PDB file of N, CA and C in Angstrom:
ATOM      1  N   MET A   1      13.467  -4.500 -12.472  1.00  0.00           N
ATOM      2  CA  MET A   1      12.976  -4.330 -11.110  1.00  0.00           C
ATOM      3  C   MET A   1      11.638  -3.577 -11.137  1.00  0.00           C
ATOM      4  N   PRO A   2      10.698  -4.000 -10.315  1.00  0.00           N
ATOM      5  CA  PRO A   2       9.395  -3.336 -10.273  1.00  0.00           C
ATOM      6  C   PRO A   2       9.487  -1.926  -9.677  1.00  0.00           C
ATOM      7  N   THR A   3       8.554  -1.097 -10.075  1.00  0.00           N
ATOM      8  CA  THR A   3       8.472   0.280  -9.597  1.00  0.00           C
ATOM      9  C   THR A   3       7.103   0.511  -8.971  1.00  0.00           C
ATOM     10  N   ILE A   4       7.108   1.236  -7.851  1.00  0.00           N
ATOM     11  CA  ILE A   4       5.871   1.624  -7.163  1.00  0.00           C
ATOM     12  C   ILE A   4       5.778   3.141  -7.215  1.00  0.00           C
ATOM     13  N   THR A   5       4.606   3.665  -7.544  1.00  0.00           N
ATOM     14  CA  THR A   5       4.369   5.096  -7.447  1.00  0.00           C
ATOM     15  C   THR A   5       3.345   5.329  -6.352  1.00  0.00           C
ATOM     16  N   PHE A   6       3.749   6.110  -5.348  1.00  0.00           N
ATOM     17  CA  PHE A   6       2.865   6.497  -4.253  1.00  0.00           C
ATOM     18  C   PHE A   6       2.359   7.903  -4.553  1.00  0.00           C
ATOM     19  N   ALA A   7       1.072   8.030  -4.858  1.00  0.00           N
ATOM     20  CA  ALA A   7       0.473   9.320  -5.187  1.00  0.00           C
ATOM     21  C   ALA A   7      -0.174   9.916  -3.937  1.00  0.00           C
ATOM     22  N   GLN A   8       0.169  11.165  -3.656  1.00  0.00           N
ATOM     23  CA  GLN A   8      -0.368  11.870  -2.501  1.00  0.00           C
ATOM     24  C   GLN A   8      -1.608  12.672  -2.913  1.00  0.00           C
ATOM     25  N   SER A   9      -2.452  12.996  -1.954  1.00  0.00           N
ATOM     26  CA  SER A   9      -3.658  13.787  -2.241  1.00  0.00           C
ATOM     27  C   SER A   9      -3.310  15.205  -2.684  1.00  0.00           C
ATOM     28  N   THR A  10      -2.074  15.629  -2.437  1.00  0.00           N
ATOM     29  CA  THR A  10      -1.609  16.966  -2.841  1.00  0.00           C
ATOM     30  C   THR A  10      -1.232  17.020  -4.314  1.00  0.00           C
ATOM     31  N   GLY A  11      -1.186  15.872  -4.963  1.00  0.00           N
ATOM     32  CA  GLY A  11      -0.772  15.808  -6.354  1.00  0.00           C
ATOM     33  C   GLY A  11       0.684  15.391  -6.521  1.00  0.00           C
ATOM     34  N   GLU A  12       1.437  15.407  -5.434  1.00  0.00           N
ATOM     35  CA  GLU A  12       2.825  14.950  -5.490  1.00  0.00           C
ATOM     36  C   GLU A  12       2.856  13.430  -5.584  1.00  0.00           C
ATOM     37  N   ALA A  13       3.941  12.898  -6.141  1.00  0.00           N
ATOM     38  CA  ALA A  13       4.097  11.449  -6.250  1.00  0.00           C
ATOM     39  C   ALA A  13       5.550  11.079  -6.006  1.00  0.00           C
ATOM     40  N   THR A  14       5.732   9.909  -5.412  1.00  0.00           N
ATOM     41  CA  THR A  14       7.066   9.363  -5.160  1.00  0.00           C
ATOM     42  C   THR A  14       7.156   8.034  -5.882  1.00  0.00           C
ATOM     43  N   GLU A  15       8.154   7.895  -6.737  1.00  0.00           N
ATOM     44  CA  GLU A  15       8.372   6.653  -7.481  1.00  0.00           C
ATOM     45  C   GLU A  15       9.585   5.938  -6.895  1.00  0.00           C
ATOM     46  N   ILE A  16       9.410   4.653  -6.593  1.00  0.00           N
ATOM     47  CA  ILE A  16      10.468   3.869  -5.966  1.00  0.00           C
ATOM     48  C   ILE A  16      10.644   2.559  -6.729  1.00  0.00           C
ATOM     49  N   THR A  17      11.880   2.234  -7.051  1.00  0.00           N
ATOM     50  CA  THR A  17      12.206   0.957  -7.664  1.00  0.00           C
ATOM     51  C   THR A  17      12.653   0.013  -6.557  1.00  0.00           C
ATOM     52  N   VAL A  18      12.093  -1.193  -6.545  1.00  0.00           N
ATOM     53  CA  VAL A  18      12.354  -2.147  -5.459  1.00  0.00           C
ATOM     54  C   VAL A  18      12.668  -3.530  -6.007  1.00  0.00           C
ATOM     55  N   ASP A  19      13.222  -4.363  -5.141  1.00  0.00           N
ATOM     56  CA  ASP A  19      13.433  -5.769  -5.470  1.00  0.00           C
ATOM     57  C   ASP A  19      12.107  -6.508  -5.399  1.00  0.00           C
ATOM     58  N   GLU A  20      11.976  -7.568  -6.191  1.00  0.00           N
ATOM     59  CA  GLU A  20      10.799  -8.415  -6.090  1.00  0.00           C
ATOM     60  C   GLU A  20      10.703  -8.950  -4.666  1.00  0.00           C
ATOM     61  N   GLY A  21       9.485  -9.084  -4.170  1.00  0.00           N
ATOM     62  CA  GLY A  21       9.262  -9.591  -2.822  1.00  0.00           C
ATOM     63  C   GLY A  21       9.172  -8.512  -1.765  1.00  0.00           C
ATOM     64  N   THR A  22       9.551  -7.282  -2.101  1.00  0.00           N
ATOM     65  CA  THR A  22       9.458  -6.164  -1.157  1.00  0.00           C
ATOM     66  C   THR A  22       7.999  -5.747  -1.038  1.00  0.00           C
ATOM     67  N   SER A  23       7.533  -5.519   0.179  1.00  0.00           N
ATOM     68  CA  SER A  23       6.152  -5.069   0.350  1.00  0.00           C
ATOM     69  C   SER A  23       6.056  -3.572   0.072  1.00  0.00           C
ATOM     70  N   LEU A  24       4.876  -3.125  -0.326  1.00  0.00           N
ATOM     71  CA  LEU A  24       4.660  -1.698  -0.530  1.00  0.00           C
ATOM     72  C   LEU A  24       4.959  -0.931   0.744  1.00  0.00           C
ATOM     73  N   MET A  25       4.552  -1.472   1.889  1.00  0.00           N
ATOM     74  CA  MET A  25       4.786  -0.791   3.165  1.00  0.00           C
ATOM     75  C   MET A  25       6.269  -0.626   3.426  1.00  0.00           C
ATOM     76  N   ARG A  26       7.046  -1.696   3.262  1.00  0.00           N
ATOM     77  CA  ARG A  26       8.482  -1.637   3.529  1.00  0.00           C
ATOM     78  C   ARG A  26       9.161  -0.653   2.578  1.00  0.00           C
ATOM     79  N   ALA A  27       8.773  -0.656   1.319  1.00  0.00           N
ATOM     80  CA  ALA A  27       9.348   0.282   0.355  1.00  0.00           C
ATOM     81  C   ALA A  27       9.059   1.716   0.768  1.00  0.00           C
ATOM     82  N   ALA A  28       7.830   1.976   1.211  1.00  0.00           N
ATOM     83  CA  ALA A  28       7.442   3.330   1.604  1.00  0.00           C
ATOM     84  C   ALA A  28       8.175   3.783   2.854  1.00  0.00           C
ATOM     85  N   VAL A  29       8.217   2.938   3.875  1.00  0.00           N
ATOM     86  CA  VAL A  29       8.857   3.305   5.137  1.00  0.00           C
ATOM     87  C   VAL A  29      10.357   3.513   4.931  1.00  0.00           C
ATOM     88  N   THR A  30      10.988   2.609   4.214  1.00  0.00           N
ATOM     89  CA  THR A  30      12.426   2.697   3.971  1.00  0.00           C
ATOM     90  C   THR A  30      12.799   3.967   3.207  1.00  0.00           C
ATOM     91  N   ASN A  31      11.894   4.418   2.347  1.00  0.00           N
ATOM     92  CA  ASN A  31      12.176   5.579   1.509  1.00  0.00           C
ATOM     93  C   ASN A  31      11.485   6.857   1.967  1.00  0.00           C
ATOM     94  N   GLY A  32      10.925   6.844   3.162  1.00  0.00           N
ATOM     95  CA  GLY A  32      10.353   8.050   3.749  1.00  0.00           C
ATOM     96  C   GLY A  32       9.121   8.596   3.051  1.00  0.00           C
ATOM     97  N   VAL A  33       8.290   7.720   2.502  1.00  0.00           N
ATOM     98  CA  VAL A  33       7.059   8.178   1.851  1.00  0.00           C
ATOM     99  C   VAL A  33       6.108   8.701   2.917  1.00  0.00           C
ATOM    100  N   GLU A  34       5.735   9.954   2.785  1.00  0.00           N
ATOM    101  CA  GLU A  34       4.824  10.568   3.744  1.00  0.00           C
ATOM    102  C   GLU A  34       3.470   9.886   3.709  1.00  0.00           C
ATOM    103  N   GLY A  35       2.929   9.610   4.909  1.00  0.00           N
ATOM    104  CA  GLY A  35       1.593   9.041   5.007  1.00  0.00           C
ATOM    105  C   GLY A  35       1.561   7.536   5.177  1.00  0.00           C
ATOM    106  N   ILE A  36       2.690   6.866   5.043  1.00  0.00           N
ATOM    107  CA  ILE A  36       2.761   5.427   5.293  1.00  0.00           C
ATOM    108  C   ILE A  36       3.597   5.234   6.553  1.00  0.00           C
ATOM    109  N   VAL A  37       2.954   4.720   7.605  1.00  0.00           N
ATOM    110  CA  VAL A  37       3.603   4.618   8.901  1.00  0.00           C
ATOM    111  C   VAL A  37       4.160   3.220   9.146  1.00  0.00           C
ATOM    112  N   GLY A  38       3.354   2.200   8.952  1.00  0.00           N
ATOM    113  CA  GLY A  38       3.804   0.827   9.161  1.00  0.00           C
ATOM    114  C   GLY A  38       4.145   0.525  10.606  1.00  0.00           C
ATOM    115  N   GLU A  39       3.304   0.964  11.531  1.00  0.00           N
ATOM    116  CA  GLU A  39       3.574   0.800  12.969  1.00  0.00           C
ATOM    117  C   GLU A  39       3.826  -0.637  13.394  1.00  0.00           C
ATOM    118  N   CYS A  40       3.105  -1.583  12.833  1.00  0.00           N
ATOM    119  CA  CYS A  40       3.238  -2.969  13.290  1.00  0.00           C
ATOM    120  C   CYS A  40       4.337  -3.725  12.552  1.00  0.00           C
ATOM    121  N   GLY A  41       4.998  -3.086  11.633  1.00  0.00           N
ATOM    122  CA  GLY A  41       6.111  -3.718  10.942  1.00  0.00           C
ATOM    123  C   GLY A  41       5.720  -4.722   9.879  1.00  0.00           C
ATOM    124  N   GLY A  42       4.477  -4.711   9.473  1.00  0.00           N
ATOM    125  CA  GLY A  42       4.051  -5.600   8.394  1.00  0.00           C
ATOM    126  C   GLY A  42       3.275  -6.823   8.835  1.00  0.00           C
ATOM    127  N   GLN A  43       2.695  -6.782  10.007  1.00  0.00           N
ATOM    128  CA  GLN A  43       1.967  -7.928  10.544  1.00  0.00           C
ATOM    129  C   GLN A  43       0.455  -7.853  10.320  1.00  0.00           C
ATOM    130  N   ALA A  44      -0.006  -6.876   9.547  1.00  0.00           N
ATOM    131  CA  ALA A  44      -1.447  -6.686   9.290  1.00  0.00           C
ATOM    132  C   ALA A  44      -2.210  -6.490  10.590  1.00  0.00           C
ATOM    133  N   MET A  45      -1.625  -5.681  11.502  1.00  0.00           N
ATOM    134  CA  MET A  45      -2.244  -5.481  12.807  1.00  0.00           C
ATOM    135  C   MET A  45      -2.491  -4.017  13.152  1.00  0.00           C
ATOM    136  N   CYS A  46      -2.251  -3.084  12.206  1.00  0.00           N
ATOM    137  CA  CYS A  46      -2.409  -1.689  12.603  1.00  0.00           C
ATOM    138  C   CYS A  46      -3.094  -0.816  11.548  1.00  0.00           C
ATOM    139  N   ALA A  47      -3.096  -1.202  10.314  1.00  0.00           N
ATOM    140  CA  ALA A  47      -3.730  -0.455   9.215  1.00  0.00           C
ATOM    141  C   ALA A  47      -3.100   0.908   8.951  1.00  0.00           C
ATOM    142  N   THR A  48      -1.843   1.118   9.379  1.00  0.00           N
ATOM    143  CA  THR A  48      -1.179   2.400   9.123  1.00  0.00           C
ATOM    144  C   THR A  48      -0.383   2.385   7.814  1.00  0.00           C
ATOM    145  N   CYS A  49      -0.634   1.371   6.998  1.00  0.00           N
ATOM    146  CA  CYS A  49      -0.043   1.320   5.655  1.00  0.00           C
ATOM    147  C   CYS A  49      -1.154   1.207   4.607  1.00  0.00           C
ATOM    148  N   HIS A  50      -2.329   1.676   4.981  1.00  0.00           N
ATOM    149  CA  HIS A  50      -3.502   1.651   4.117  1.00  0.00           C
ATOM    150  C   HIS A  50      -3.223   2.436   2.830  1.00  0.00           C
ATOM    151  N   VAL A  51      -3.519   1.836   1.697  1.00  0.00           N
ATOM    152  CA  VAL A  51      -3.400   2.508   0.401  1.00  0.00           C
ATOM    153  C   VAL A  51      -4.635   2.194  -0.426  1.00  0.00           C
ATOM    154  N   TYR A  52      -4.848   3.011  -1.453  1.00  0.00           N
ATOM    155  CA  TYR A  52      -5.899   2.759  -2.439  1.00  0.00           C
ATOM    156  C   TYR A  52      -5.204   2.322  -3.727  1.00  0.00           C
ATOM    157  N   VAL A  53      -5.450   1.081  -4.130  1.00  0.00           N
ATOM    158  CA  VAL A  53      -4.830   0.543  -5.334  1.00  0.00           C
ATOM    159  C   VAL A  53      -5.651   0.973  -6.547  1.00  0.00           C
ATOM    160  N   ARG A  54      -4.979   1.509  -7.534  1.00  0.00           N
ATOM    161  CA  ARG A  54      -5.666   1.940  -8.756  1.00  0.00           C
ATOM    162  C   ARG A  54      -6.316   0.732  -9.438  1.00  0.00           C
ATOM    163  N   PRO A  55      -7.485   0.943 -10.058  1.00  0.00           N
ATOM    164  CA  PRO A  55      -8.277  -0.165 -10.616  1.00  0.00           C
ATOM    165  C   PRO A  55      -7.521  -1.060 -11.598  1.00  0.00           C
ATOM    166  N   GLU A  56      -6.622  -0.488 -12.385  1.00  0.00           N
ATOM    167  CA  GLU A  56      -5.933  -1.295 -13.389  1.00  0.00           C
ATOM    168  C   GLU A  56      -4.984  -2.334 -12.783  1.00  0.00           C
ATOM    169  N   PHE A  57      -4.698  -2.224 -11.472  1.00  0.00           N
ATOM    170  CA  PHE A  57      -3.820  -3.183 -10.810  1.00  0.00           C
ATOM    171  C   PHE A  57      -4.567  -4.115  -9.861  1.00  0.00           C
ATOM    172  N   ALA A  58      -5.806  -3.798  -9.559  1.00  0.00           N
ATOM    173  CA  ALA A  58      -6.567  -4.546  -8.552  1.00  0.00           C
ATOM    174  C   ALA A  58      -6.668  -6.039  -8.871  1.00  0.00           C
ATOM    175  N   GLY A  59      -6.863  -6.392 -10.109  1.00  0.00           N
ATOM    176  CA  GLY A  59      -7.014  -7.786 -10.501  1.00  0.00           C
ATOM    177  C   GLY A  59      -5.736  -8.594 -10.407  1.00  0.00           C
ATOM    178  N   GLN A  60      -4.615  -7.927 -10.209  1.00  0.00           N
ATOM    179  CA  GLN A  60      -3.325  -8.622 -10.136  1.00  0.00           C
ATOM    180  C   GLN A  60      -2.895  -8.894  -8.689  1.00  0.00           C
ATOM    181  N   LEU A  61      -3.700  -8.460  -7.744  1.00  0.00           N
ATOM    182  CA  LEU A  61      -3.352  -8.618  -6.329  1.00  0.00           C
ATOM    183  C   LEU A  61      -3.881  -9.933  -5.775  1.00  0.00           C
ATOM    184  N   PRO A  62      -3.222 -10.458  -4.742  1.00  0.00           N
ATOM    185  CA  PRO A  62      -3.770 -11.649  -4.073  1.00  0.00           C
ATOM    186  C   PRO A  62      -5.083 -11.288  -3.379  1.00  0.00           C
ATOM    187  N   ASP A  63      -5.893 -12.288  -3.130  1.00  0.00           N
ATOM    188  CA  ASP A  63      -7.146 -12.062  -2.412  1.00  0.00           C
ATOM    189  C   ASP A  63      -6.856 -11.540  -1.009  1.00  0.00           C
ATOM    190  N   LEU A  64      -7.817 -10.806  -0.464  1.00  0.00           N
ATOM    191  CA  LEU A  64      -7.702 -10.337   0.917  1.00  0.00           C
ATOM    192  C   LEU A  64      -7.687 -11.527   1.871  1.00  0.00           C
ATOM    193  N   SER A  65      -6.793 -11.501   2.825  1.00  0.00           N
ATOM    194  CA  SER A  65      -6.847 -12.506   3.896  1.00  0.00           C
ATOM    195  C   SER A  65      -7.890 -12.027   4.902  1.00  0.00           C
ATOM    196  N   ASP A  66      -8.307 -12.902   5.788  1.00  0.00           N
ATOM    197  CA  ASP A  66      -9.264 -12.511   6.826  1.00  0.00           C
ATOM    198  C   ASP A  66      -8.682 -11.414   7.713  1.00  0.00           C
ATOM    199  N   ASP A  67      -7.389 -11.527   8.040  1.00  0.00           N
ATOM    200  CA  ASP A  67      -6.740 -10.518   8.885  1.00  0.00           C
ATOM    201  C   ASP A  67      -6.718  -9.151   8.203  1.00  0.00           C
ATOM    202  N   GLU A  68      -6.360  -9.130   6.925  1.00  0.00           N
ATOM    203  CA  GLU A  68      -6.323  -7.855   6.200  1.00  0.00           C
ATOM    204  C   GLU A  68      -7.718  -7.260   6.106  1.00  0.00           C
ATOM    205  N   ASP A  69      -8.692  -8.074   5.803  1.00  0.00           N
ATOM    206  CA  ASP A  69     -10.071  -7.597   5.697  1.00  0.00           C
ATOM    207  C   ASP A  69     -10.530  -6.971   7.008  1.00  0.00           C
ATOM    208  N   GLU A  70     -10.212  -7.639   8.116  1.00  0.00           N
ATOM    209  CA  GLU A  70     -10.595  -7.113   9.431  1.00  0.00           C
ATOM    210  C   GLU A  70      -9.901  -5.783   9.733  1.00  0.00           C
ATOM    211  N   MET A  71      -8.612  -5.691   9.434  1.00  0.00           N
ATOM    212  CA  MET A  71      -7.869  -4.455   9.711  1.00  0.00           C
ATOM    213  C   MET A  71      -8.334  -3.303   8.831  1.00  0.00           C
ATOM    214  N   LEU A  72      -8.770  -3.582   7.630  1.00  0.00           N
ATOM    215  CA  LEU A  72      -9.257  -2.511   6.756  1.00  0.00           C
ATOM    216  C   LEU A  72     -10.526  -1.861   7.307  1.00  0.00           C
ATOM    217  N   ASP A  73     -11.217  -2.552   8.212  1.00  0.00           N
ATOM    218  CA  ASP A  73     -12.367  -1.948   8.885  1.00  0.00           C
ATOM    219  C   ASP A  73     -11.925  -0.939   9.942  1.00  0.00           C
ATOM    220  N   CYS A  74     -10.622  -0.892  10.248  1.00  0.00           N
ATOM    221  CA  CYS A  74     -10.089  -0.020  11.301  1.00  0.00           C
ATOM    222  C   CYS A  74      -9.276   1.152  10.751  1.00  0.00           C
ATOM    223  N   THR A  75      -9.343   1.397   9.469  1.00  0.00           N
ATOM    224  CA  THR A  75      -8.542   2.473   8.891  1.00  0.00           C
ATOM    225  C   THR A  75      -9.085   3.833   9.304  1.00  0.00           C
ATOM    226  N   THR A  76      -8.186   4.802   9.397  1.00  0.00           N
ATOM    227  CA  THR A  76      -8.589   6.168   9.725  1.00  0.00           C
ATOM    228  C   THR A  76      -9.321   6.798   8.542  1.00  0.00           C
ATOM    229  N   ALA A  77      -8.755   6.620   7.357  1.00  0.00           N
ATOM    230  CA  ALA A  77      -9.385   7.124   6.133  1.00  0.00           C
ATOM    231  C   ALA A  77     -10.461   6.132   5.685  1.00  0.00           C
ATOM    232  N   GLU A  78     -11.382   6.604   4.914  1.00  0.00           N
ATOM    233  CA  GLU A  78     -12.493   5.778   4.454  1.00  0.00           C
ATOM    234  C   GLU A  78     -12.009   4.521   3.741  1.00  0.00           C
ATOM    235  N   ARG A  79     -12.610   3.384   4.088  1.00  0.00           N
ATOM    236  CA  ARG A  79     -12.353   2.145   3.365  1.00  0.00           C
ATOM    237  C   ARG A  79     -13.195   2.144   2.103  1.00  0.00           C
ATOM    238  N   THR A  80     -12.566   1.778   0.993  1.00  0.00           N
ATOM    239  CA  THR A  80     -13.269   1.661  -0.281  1.00  0.00           C
ATOM    240  C   THR A  80     -12.956   0.303  -0.894  1.00  0.00           C
ATOM    241  N   ASP A  81     -13.528   0.029  -2.050  1.00  0.00           N
ATOM    242  CA  ASP A  81     -13.222  -1.217  -2.755  1.00  0.00           C
ATOM    243  C   ASP A  81     -11.757  -1.284  -3.173  1.00  0.00           C
ATOM    244  N   ALA A  82     -11.093  -0.136  -3.248  1.00  0.00           N
ATOM    245  CA  ALA A  82      -9.682  -0.073  -3.655  1.00  0.00           C
ATOM    246  C   ALA A  82      -8.725  -0.180  -2.467  1.00  0.00           C
ATOM    247  N   SER A  83      -9.247  -0.240  -1.254  1.00  0.00           N
ATOM    248  CA  SER A  83      -8.405  -0.265  -0.053  1.00  0.00           C
ATOM    249  C   SER A  83      -7.660  -1.580   0.102  1.00  0.00           C
ATOM    250  N   ARG A  84      -6.376  -1.460   0.412  1.00  0.00           N
ATOM    251  CA  ARG A  84      -5.534  -2.604   0.752  1.00  0.00           C
ATOM    252  C   ARG A  84      -4.499  -2.160   1.767  1.00  0.00           C
ATOM    253  N   LEU A  85      -3.914  -3.115   2.467  1.00  0.00           N
ATOM    254  CA  LEU A  85      -2.796  -2.829   3.359  1.00  0.00           C
ATOM    255  C   LEU A  85      -1.510  -3.019   2.557  1.00  0.00           C
ATOM    256  N   GLY A  86      -0.668  -2.007   2.557  1.00  0.00           N
ATOM    257  CA  GLY A  86       0.573  -2.075   1.803  1.00  0.00           C
ATOM    258  C   GLY A  86       1.488  -3.195   2.255  1.00  0.00           C
ATOM    259  N   CYS A  87       1.381  -3.590   3.518  1.00  0.00           N
ATOM    260  CA  CYS A  87       2.238  -4.672   4.030  1.00  0.00           C
ATOM    261  C   CYS A  87       1.869  -6.022   3.432  1.00  0.00           C
ATOM    262  N   GLN A  88       0.692  -6.126   2.871  1.00  0.00           N
ATOM    263  CA  GLN A  88       0.236  -7.401   2.327  1.00  0.00           C
ATOM    264  C   GLN A  88       0.417  -7.514   0.819  1.00  0.00           C
ATOM    265  N   ILE A  89       0.968  -6.470   0.208  1.00  0.00           N
ATOM    266  CA  ILE A  89       1.205  -6.481  -1.234  1.00  0.00           C
ATOM    267  C   ILE A  89       2.702  -6.596  -1.464  1.00  0.00           C
ATOM    268  N   LYS A  90       3.120  -7.735  -1.969  1.00  0.00           N
ATOM    269  CA  LYS A  90       4.533  -7.986  -2.269  1.00  0.00           C
ATOM    270  C   LYS A  90       4.761  -7.728  -3.756  1.00  0.00           C
ATOM    271  N   MET A  91       5.809  -7.007  -4.045  1.00  0.00           N
ATOM    272  CA  MET A  91       6.094  -6.637  -5.425  1.00  0.00           C
ATOM    273  C   MET A  91       6.581  -7.817  -6.254  1.00  0.00           C
ATOM    274  N   SER A  92       6.136  -7.831  -7.504  1.00  0.00           N
ATOM    275  CA  SER A  92       6.528  -8.853  -8.472  1.00  0.00           C
ATOM    276  C   SER A  92       6.503  -8.201  -9.849  1.00  0.00           C
ATOM    277  N   ASP A  93       7.001  -8.917 -10.837  1.00  0.00           N
ATOM    278  CA  ASP A  93       6.985  -8.368 -12.190  1.00  0.00           C
ATOM    279  C   ASP A  93       5.565  -8.076 -12.657  1.00  0.00           C
ATOM    280  N   SER A  94       4.589  -8.866 -12.197  1.00  0.00           N
ATOM    281  CA  SER A  94       3.205  -8.633 -12.619  1.00  0.00           C
ATOM    282  C   SER A  94       2.646  -7.320 -12.063  1.00  0.00           C
ATOM    283  N   LEU A  95       3.272  -6.800 -11.008  1.00  0.00           N
ATOM    284  CA  LEU A  95       2.838  -5.524 -10.426  1.00  0.00           C
ATOM    285  C   LEU A  95       3.783  -4.379 -10.781  1.00  0.00           C
ATOM    286  N   ALA A  96       4.699  -4.633 -11.708  1.00  0.00           N
ATOM    287  CA  ALA A  96       5.644  -3.585 -12.111  1.00  0.00           C
ATOM    288  C   ALA A  96       4.865  -2.334 -12.490  1.00  0.00           C
ATOM    289  N   ASN A  97       5.327  -1.196 -11.994  1.00  0.00           N
ATOM    290  CA  ASN A  97       4.729   0.114 -12.291  1.00  0.00           C
ATOM    291  C   ASN A  97       3.376   0.338 -11.624  1.00  0.00           C
ATOM    292  N   ILE A  98       3.118  -0.352 -10.522  1.00  0.00           N
ATOM    293  CA  ILE A  98       1.864  -0.161  -9.786  1.00  0.00           C
ATOM    294  C   ILE A  98       1.789   1.277  -9.251  1.00  0.00           C
ATOM    295  N   VAL A  99       0.580   1.804  -9.245  1.00  0.00           N
ATOM    296  CA  VAL A  99       0.328   3.139  -8.682  1.00  0.00           C
ATOM    297  C   VAL A  99      -0.711   2.970  -7.586  1.00  0.00           C
ATOM    298  N   VAL A 100      -0.386   3.514  -6.411  1.00  0.00           N
ATOM    299  CA  VAL A 100      -1.328   3.499  -5.291  1.00  0.00           C
ATOM    300  C   VAL A 100      -1.484   4.917  -4.766  1.00  0.00           C
ATOM    301  N   ASP A 101      -2.672   5.202  -4.278  1.00  0.00           N
ATOM    302  CA  ASP A 101      -2.946   6.509  -3.674  1.00  0.00           C
ATOM    303  C   ASP A 101      -2.843   6.373  -2.170  1.00  0.00           C
ATOM    304  N   VAL A 102      -2.145   7.335  -1.555  1.00  0.00           N
ATOM    305  CA  VAL A 102      -1.960   7.351  -0.105  1.00  0.00           C
ATOM    306  C   VAL A 102      -3.095   8.174   0.502  1.00  0.00           C
ATOM    307  N   PRO A 103      -3.820   7.633   1.474  1.00  0.00           N
ATOM    308  CA  PRO A 103      -4.893   8.399   2.118  1.00  0.00           C
ATOM    309  C   PRO A 103      -4.337   9.666   2.773  1.00  0.00           C
ATOM    310  N   SER A 104      -5.165  10.677   2.871  1.00  0.00           N
ATOM    311  CA  SER A 104      -4.716  11.927   3.494  1.00  0.00           C
ATOM    312  C   SER A 104      -4.519  11.755   4.996  1.00  0.00           C
ATOM    313  N   ASP A 105      -5.215  10.807   5.619  1.00  0.00           N
ATOM    314  CA  ASP A 105      -5.050  10.517   7.058  1.00  0.00           C
ATOM    315  C   ASP A 105      -4.720   9.040   7.223  1.00  0.00           C
ATOM    316  N   GLN A 106      -3.780   8.755   8.116  1.00  0.00           N
ATOM    317  CA  GLN A 106      -3.393   7.362   8.342  1.00  0.00           C
ATOM    318  C   GLN A 106      -3.508   6.993   9.825  1.00  0.00           C
ATOM    319  N   VAL A 107      -3.285   7.937  10.706  1.00  0.00           N
ATOM    320  CA  VAL A 107      -3.384   7.654  12.141  1.00  0.00           C
ATOM    321  C   VAL A 107      -4.196   8.723  12.817  1.00  0.00           C
TER     322      VAL A 107
END
């Protein structure tokens, strides 16, 4: 089963093992990861699941959809090249052990 590590700006980290197909947002919300809100429930309409994907995993992600790209312009925390919406990243074996950084501000 794939594992996600959510790294906080405080240095704390939460590691969660999930089933394939689970989104980063759903894993975070279900497990109470601080800083991931998921207000829209995974519809790429709120940007409250914004994460920074570490460079070593970036090449394994699907391309940004137009909706995700547009919502990333609305994030509270700075958008960077590493910015993605957690609701749009579905876990798979190729993403096993992914590490993402949670922005200090989400809403």
